[in-house]
Amino acid sequence: MTNINSYHGEKLIRPREMRDTLRISQATLYRLVHKGELKHIKVGGSIRFLQRDLEEFLQKDRVN
């Protein structure tokens, strides 16, 4: 199995790391992905996230 850690030089985040960062359940994470609210990259049968997509997601719901 190939260990994919980056995409065009940008760190890829695994689903577990994303869940821990956002403090959400696995079901919620995949619901956000399915609804298109959280961008992701498919790597074989797995999904990964870019750091910039996490930051964009967090900014989207930010209250000033």
C-alpha atoms as a PDB file:
ATOM      1  CA  MET A   1       0.000   0.000   0.000  1.00  0.00           C
ATOM      2  CA  THR A   2       1.343   3.426  -0.960  1.00  0.00           C
ATOM      3  CA  ASN A   3       1.566   6.027   1.776  1.00  0.00           C
ATOM      4  CA  ILE A   4       0.208   9.268   0.335  1.00  0.00           C
ATOM      5  CA  ASN A   5       1.151  12.236   2.510  1.00  0.00           C
ATOM      6  CA  SER A   6       1.049  15.155   0.098  1.00  0.00           C
ATOM      7  CA  TYR A   7      -0.696  16.433  -3.006  1.00  0.00           C
ATOM      8  CA  HIS A   8       1.319  18.858  -5.142  1.00  0.00           C
ATOM      9  CA  GLY A   9       3.468  19.613  -2.103  1.00  0.00           C
ATOM     10  CA  GLU A  10       0.534  20.256   0.217  1.00  0.00           C
ATOM     11  CA  LYS A  11      -0.006  18.017   3.262  1.00  0.00           C
ATOM     12  CA  LEU A  12      -2.948  15.663   3.053  1.00  0.00           C
ATOM     13  CA  ILE A  13      -5.106  15.210   6.143  1.00  0.00           C
ATOM     14  CA  ARG A  14      -6.609  11.823   6.962  1.00  0.00           C
ATOM     15  CA  PRO A  15     -10.274  11.554   7.980  1.00  0.00           C
ATOM     16  CA  ARG A  16      -9.362  10.751  11.603  1.00  0.00           C
ATOM     17  CA  GLU A  17      -7.215  13.894  11.843  1.00  0.00           C
ATOM     18  CA  MET A  18     -10.015  15.951  10.294  1.00  0.00           C
ATOM     19  CA  ARG A  19     -12.573  14.551  12.748  1.00  0.00           C
ATOM     20  CA  ASP A  20     -10.268  15.259  15.687  1.00  0.00           C
ATOM     21  CA  THR A  21      -9.581  18.804  14.487  1.00  0.00           C
ATOM     22  CA  LEU A  22     -13.255  19.617  13.937  1.00  0.00           C
ATOM     23  CA  ARG A  23     -14.372  17.577  16.963  1.00  0.00           C
ATOM     24  CA  ILE A  24     -17.083  15.808  14.981  1.00  0.00           C
ATOM     25  CA  SER A  25     -18.106  12.179  14.538  1.00  0.00           C
ATOM     26  CA  GLN A  26     -17.222  10.013  11.581  1.00  0.00           C
ATOM     27  CA  ALA A  27     -20.872  10.100  10.451  1.00  0.00           C
ATOM     28  CA  THR A  28     -20.899  13.906  10.520  1.00  0.00           C
ATOM     29  CA  LEU A  29     -17.632  14.096   8.591  1.00  0.00           C
ATOM     30  CA  TYR A  30     -18.912  11.844   5.823  1.00  0.00           C
ATOM     31  CA  ARG A  31     -22.247  13.687   5.763  1.00  0.00           C
ATOM     32  CA  LEU A  32     -20.383  16.971   5.161  1.00  0.00           C
ATOM     33  CA  VAL A  33     -18.381  15.304   2.387  1.00  0.00           C
ATOM     34  CA  HIS A  34     -21.500  13.787   0.793  1.00  0.00           C
ATOM     35  CA  LYS A  35     -23.347  17.128   0.883  1.00  0.00           C
ATOM     36  CA  GLY A  36     -20.370  18.849  -0.771  1.00  0.00           C
ATOM     37  CA  GLU A  37     -19.779  21.125   2.201  1.00  0.00           C
ATOM     38  CA  LEU A  38     -16.275  19.794   2.812  1.00  0.00           C
ATOM     39  CA  LYS A  39     -13.952  19.398  -0.164  1.00  0.00           C
ATOM     40  CA  HIS A  40     -11.902  16.235  -0.398  1.00  0.00           C
ATOM     41  CA  ILE A  41      -9.617  14.211  -2.661  1.00  0.00           C
ATOM     42  CA  LYS A  42     -10.114  10.532  -3.457  1.00  0.00           C
ATOM     43  CA  VAL A  43      -6.961   8.426  -3.213  1.00  0.00           C
ATOM     44  CA  GLY A  44      -7.862   4.939  -4.331  1.00  0.00           C
ATOM     45  CA  GLY A  45     -10.702   3.894  -2.039  1.00  0.00           C
ATOM     46  CA  SER A  46      -9.840   6.497   0.608  1.00  0.00           C
ATOM     47  CA  ILE A  47     -10.482  10.182   1.007  1.00  0.00           C
ATOM     48  CA  ARG A  48      -8.041  12.849   2.101  1.00  0.00           C
ATOM     49  CA  PHE A  49      -8.335  16.563   2.768  1.00  0.00           C
ATOM     50  CA  LEU A  50      -6.077  19.502   1.964  1.00  0.00           C
ATOM     51  CA  GLN A  51      -5.090  21.944   4.703  1.00  0.00           C
ATOM     52  CA  ARG A  52      -6.479  24.833   2.633  1.00  0.00           C
ATOM     53  CA  ASP A  53      -9.856  23.084   2.381  1.00  0.00           C
ATOM     54  CA  LEU A  54      -9.990  22.743   6.166  1.00  0.00           C
ATOM     55  CA  GLU A  55      -9.170  26.434   6.548  1.00  0.00           C
ATOM     56  CA  GLU A  56     -11.804  27.373   3.935  1.00  0.00           C
ATOM     57  CA  PHE A  57     -14.417  25.267   5.736  1.00  0.00           C
ATOM     58  CA  LEU A  58     -13.627  26.937   9.057  1.00  0.00           C
ATOM     59  CA  GLN A  59     -13.749  30.433   7.550  1.00  0.00           C
ATOM     60  CA  LYS A  60     -17.063  29.766   5.818  1.00  0.00           C
ATOM     61  CA  ASP A  61     -18.979  29.579   9.095  1.00  0.00           C
ATOM     62  CA  ARG A  62     -16.955  32.154  10.967  1.00  0.00           C
ATOM     63  CA  VAL A  63     -18.890  34.860  12.767  1.00  0.00           C
ATOM     64  CA  ASN A  64     -17.225  38.283  12.815  1.00  0.00           C
END
